[in-house]
Amino acid sequence: MKRQKKQNLSVSQNFYDGIMARIDSSMKAVRATQEETYQVKAYIYEYLRDGKAPGRRLEGRQLLTVMLLKAEIEKAIARSAKARQRRRKEASVAAAPAEDLSAIRADESEEEAETEEAPVTVKLNRRQRRLREMALRRMARKSAQKNCCPPGRSLTGSSR
């Protein structure tokens, strides 16, 4: 599906394209008219743009399609909001000069001392976790090979 210009929606363009394709296939499966399909797409678009359900009512097949997709749409909205918040936080830290970073860190440590919450744990993303696991396995294999057999002996026990 060809992408249009960036729209001001509460979800990613990729998710929006996917949900519109699913609406097409769902409405085709229930043999809905083009007008009904258009109404469902307009309803979802307004919901994603405004963040609240549009005032008009849907009936029958249209309502069924929207209700089936609503939970997934709400999860995507929450996921996008978290991603935007993370991006803003990273951009503000990256934009600050080095000397300002020490002031920011000092402010954060004071706030942490006041709240006395559990220490923040850094969560690794999937790629970082896999790289770490692979490195641990590699180290285990090397140490097993070193400790396993004396020089000149094979794993089978026979020497040559």
Protein backbone atom coordinates (compact mmCIF):
# COMPACT_ATOMS: atom_id res chain seq x y z
CA MET A 1 0.00 0.00 0.00
CA LYS A 2 1.41 3.38 -0.98
CA ARG A 3 2.06 5.70 1.92
CA GLN A 4 0.50 9.11 2.00
CA LYS A 5 1.98 12.20 3.60
CA LYS A 6 2.43 12.06 7.36
CA GLN A 7 -0.85 12.39 9.20
CA ASN A 8 -1.34 13.70 12.71
CA LEU A 9 -2.55 10.47 14.30
CA SER A 10 -1.98 8.91 17.70
CA VAL A 11 -0.44 5.76 16.18
CA SER A 12 2.40 5.03 13.77
CA GLN A 13 1.84 5.24 10.03
CA ASN A 14 2.74 1.56 9.71
CA PHE A 15 0.03 0.54 12.20
CA TYR A 16 -2.48 2.84 10.50
CA ASP A 17 -1.77 1.27 7.10
CA GLY A 18 -2.12 -2.21 8.58
CA ILE A 19 -5.40 -1.47 10.33
CA MET A 20 -6.88 0.03 7.15
CA ALA A 21 -5.88 -3.10 5.22
CA ARG A 22 -7.52 -5.26 7.89
CA ILE A 23 -10.70 -3.19 7.67
CA ASP A 24 -10.74 -3.74 3.91
CA SER A 25 -10.33 -7.50 4.25
CA SER A 26 -12.83 -7.76 7.13
CA MET A 27 -15.49 -5.76 5.36
CA LYS A 28 -14.93 -7.75 2.16
CA ALA A 29 -15.34 -11.00 4.13
CA VAL A 30 -18.76 -9.93 5.40
CA ARG A 31 -19.72 -8.66 1.93
CA ALA A 32 -20.11 -5.05 2.95
CA THR A 33 -20.62 -2.28 0.39
CA GLN A 34 -17.93 0.26 -0.46
CA GLU A 35 -19.95 2.90 1.40
CA GLU A 36 -19.99 0.82 4.60
CA THR A 37 -16.25 0.22 4.31
CA TYR A 38 -15.64 3.93 3.82
CA GLN A 39 -17.76 4.75 6.90
CA VAL A 40 -15.76 2.34 9.09
CA LYS A 41 -12.46 3.78 7.83
CA ALA A 42 -13.66 7.33 8.49
CA TYR A 43 -14.80 6.34 11.98
CA ILE A 44 -11.41 4.77 12.81
CA TYR A 45 -9.52 7.73 11.32
CA GLU A 46 -11.49 10.21 13.46
CA TYR A 47 -10.97 8.01 16.53
CA LEU A 48 -7.21 7.94 15.97
CA ARG A 49 -7.00 11.66 15.19
CA ASP A 50 -9.17 12.97 18.05
CA GLY A 51 -8.67 10.24 20.65
CA LYS A 52 -12.38 9.85 21.29
CA ALA A 53 -15.22 8.03 19.58
CA PRO A 54 -16.96 10.08 16.88
CA GLY A 55 -20.54 11.13 17.55
CA ARG A 56 -22.13 9.11 14.76
CA ARG A 57 -23.42 5.59 15.22
CA LEU A 58 -22.40 2.46 13.40
CA GLU A 59 -24.67 -0.51 12.93
CA GLY A 60 -24.38 -4.20 12.15
CA ARG A 61 -21.28 -5.22 10.25
CA GLN A 62 -19.64 -1.84 10.76
CA LEU A 63 -20.01 -1.96 14.53
CA LEU A 64 -18.77 -5.54 14.64
CA THR A 65 -15.60 -4.65 12.70
CA VAL A 66 -14.85 -1.64 14.92
CA MET A 67 -15.43 -3.56 18.15
CA LEU A 68 -13.11 -6.37 17.05
CA LEU A 69 -10.30 -3.93 16.29
CA LYS A 70 -10.82 -1.51 19.17
CA ALA A 71 -8.70 -3.32 21.79
CA GLU A 72 -5.77 -3.58 19.39
CA ILE A 73 -6.10 0.09 18.45
CA GLU A 74 -6.11 1.17 22.10
CA LYS A 75 -2.95 -0.86 22.79
CA ALA A 76 -1.26 0.77 19.79
CA ILE A 77 -2.26 4.24 21.02
CA ALA A 78 -0.73 3.54 24.45
CA ARG A 79 2.41 2.06 22.86
CA SER A 80 2.83 5.11 20.61
CA ALA A 81 2.34 7.51 23.53
CA LYS A 82 5.09 5.75 25.49
CA ALA A 83 7.40 5.82 22.47
CA ARG A 84 6.81 9.54 21.94
CA GLN A 85 7.50 10.22 25.62
CA ARG A 86 10.75 8.21 25.44
CA ARG A 87 11.80 10.06 22.29
CA ARG A 88 11.17 13.45 23.89
CA LYS A 89 13.17 12.44 26.97
CA GLU A 90 16.08 11.17 24.87
CA ALA A 91 16.02 14.31 22.71
CA SER A 92 16.10 16.60 25.73
CA VAL A 93 19.08 14.73 27.20
CA ALA A 94 20.90 14.68 23.85
CA ALA A 95 20.29 18.39 23.27
CA ALA A 96 21.71 19.44 26.64
CA PRO A 97 25.42 20.40 26.71
CA ALA A 98 27.79 18.24 28.77
CA GLU A 99 27.93 20.65 31.71
CA ASP A 100 24.14 20.80 31.85
CA LEU A 101 24.00 17.02 32.01
CA SER A 102 25.79 17.02 35.34
CA ALA A 103 23.21 19.48 36.66
CA ILE A 104 20.39 17.30 35.33
CA ARG A 105 21.91 14.22 36.95
CA ALA A 106 22.34 16.10 40.24
CA ASP A 107 18.67 17.15 40.10
CA GLU A 108 17.62 13.59 39.37
CA SER A 109 19.67 12.22 42.27
CA GLU A 110 18.08 14.76 44.64
CA GLU A 111 14.61 13.77 43.43
CA GLU A 112 15.48 10.10 43.85
CA ALA A 113 16.71 10.71 47.38
CA GLU A 114 13.47 12.48 48.24
CA THR A 115 11.21 9.78 46.85
CA GLU A 116 13.34 6.86 48.15
CA GLU A 117 11.97 4.43 45.57
CA ALA A 118 13.55 1.19 44.49
CA PRO A 119 16.61 1.65 42.28
CA VAL A 120 15.83 1.98 38.60
CA THR A 121 16.79 -1.07 36.60
CA VAL A 122 17.91 -0.66 33.04
CA LYS A 123 16.00 -2.94 30.73
CA LEU A 124 17.90 -4.28 27.78
CA ASN A 125 16.15 -4.53 24.46
CA ARG A 126 15.86 -7.85 22.66
CA ARG A 127 18.99 -7.40 20.55
CA GLN A 128 21.09 -6.44 23.56
CA ARG A 129 19.81 -9.45 25.52
CA ARG A 130 20.63 -11.81 22.65
CA LEU A 131 24.14 -10.41 22.23
CA ARG A 132 24.74 -10.80 25.95
CA GLU A 133 23.46 -14.40 25.94
CA MET A 134 25.60 -15.28 22.92
CA ALA A 135 28.70 -13.82 24.60
CA LEU A 136 28.01 -15.82 27.77
CA ARG A 137 27.59 -19.03 25.76
CA ARG A 138 30.81 -18.33 23.85
CA MET A 139 32.71 -17.82 27.11
CA ALA A 140 31.24 -21.02 28.56
CA ARG A 141 32.27 -23.02 25.49
CA LYS A 142 35.82 -21.65 25.62
CA SER A 143 36.21 -22.38 29.31
CA ALA A 144 34.77 -25.88 28.83
CA GLN A 145 37.25 -26.58 26.06
CA LYS A 146 40.14 -25.32 28.20
CA ASN A 147 39.13 -27.28 31.29
CA CYS A 148 37.91 -30.37 29.52
CA CYS A 149 40.94 -32.00 28.02
CA PRO A 150 44.65 -31.72 28.68
CA PRO A 151 46.79 -30.78 25.68
CA GLY A 152 47.27 -33.62 23.24
CA ARG A 153 44.11 -35.48 24.27
CA SER A 154 40.83 -35.47 22.42
CA LEU A 155 37.31 -35.48 23.76
CA THR A 156 36.94 -39.22 23.05
CA GLY A 157 39.78 -40.09 25.40
CA SER A 158 42.16 -41.62 22.89
CA SER A 159 45.47 -39.90 22.29
CA ARG A 160 47.53 -39.91 19.13
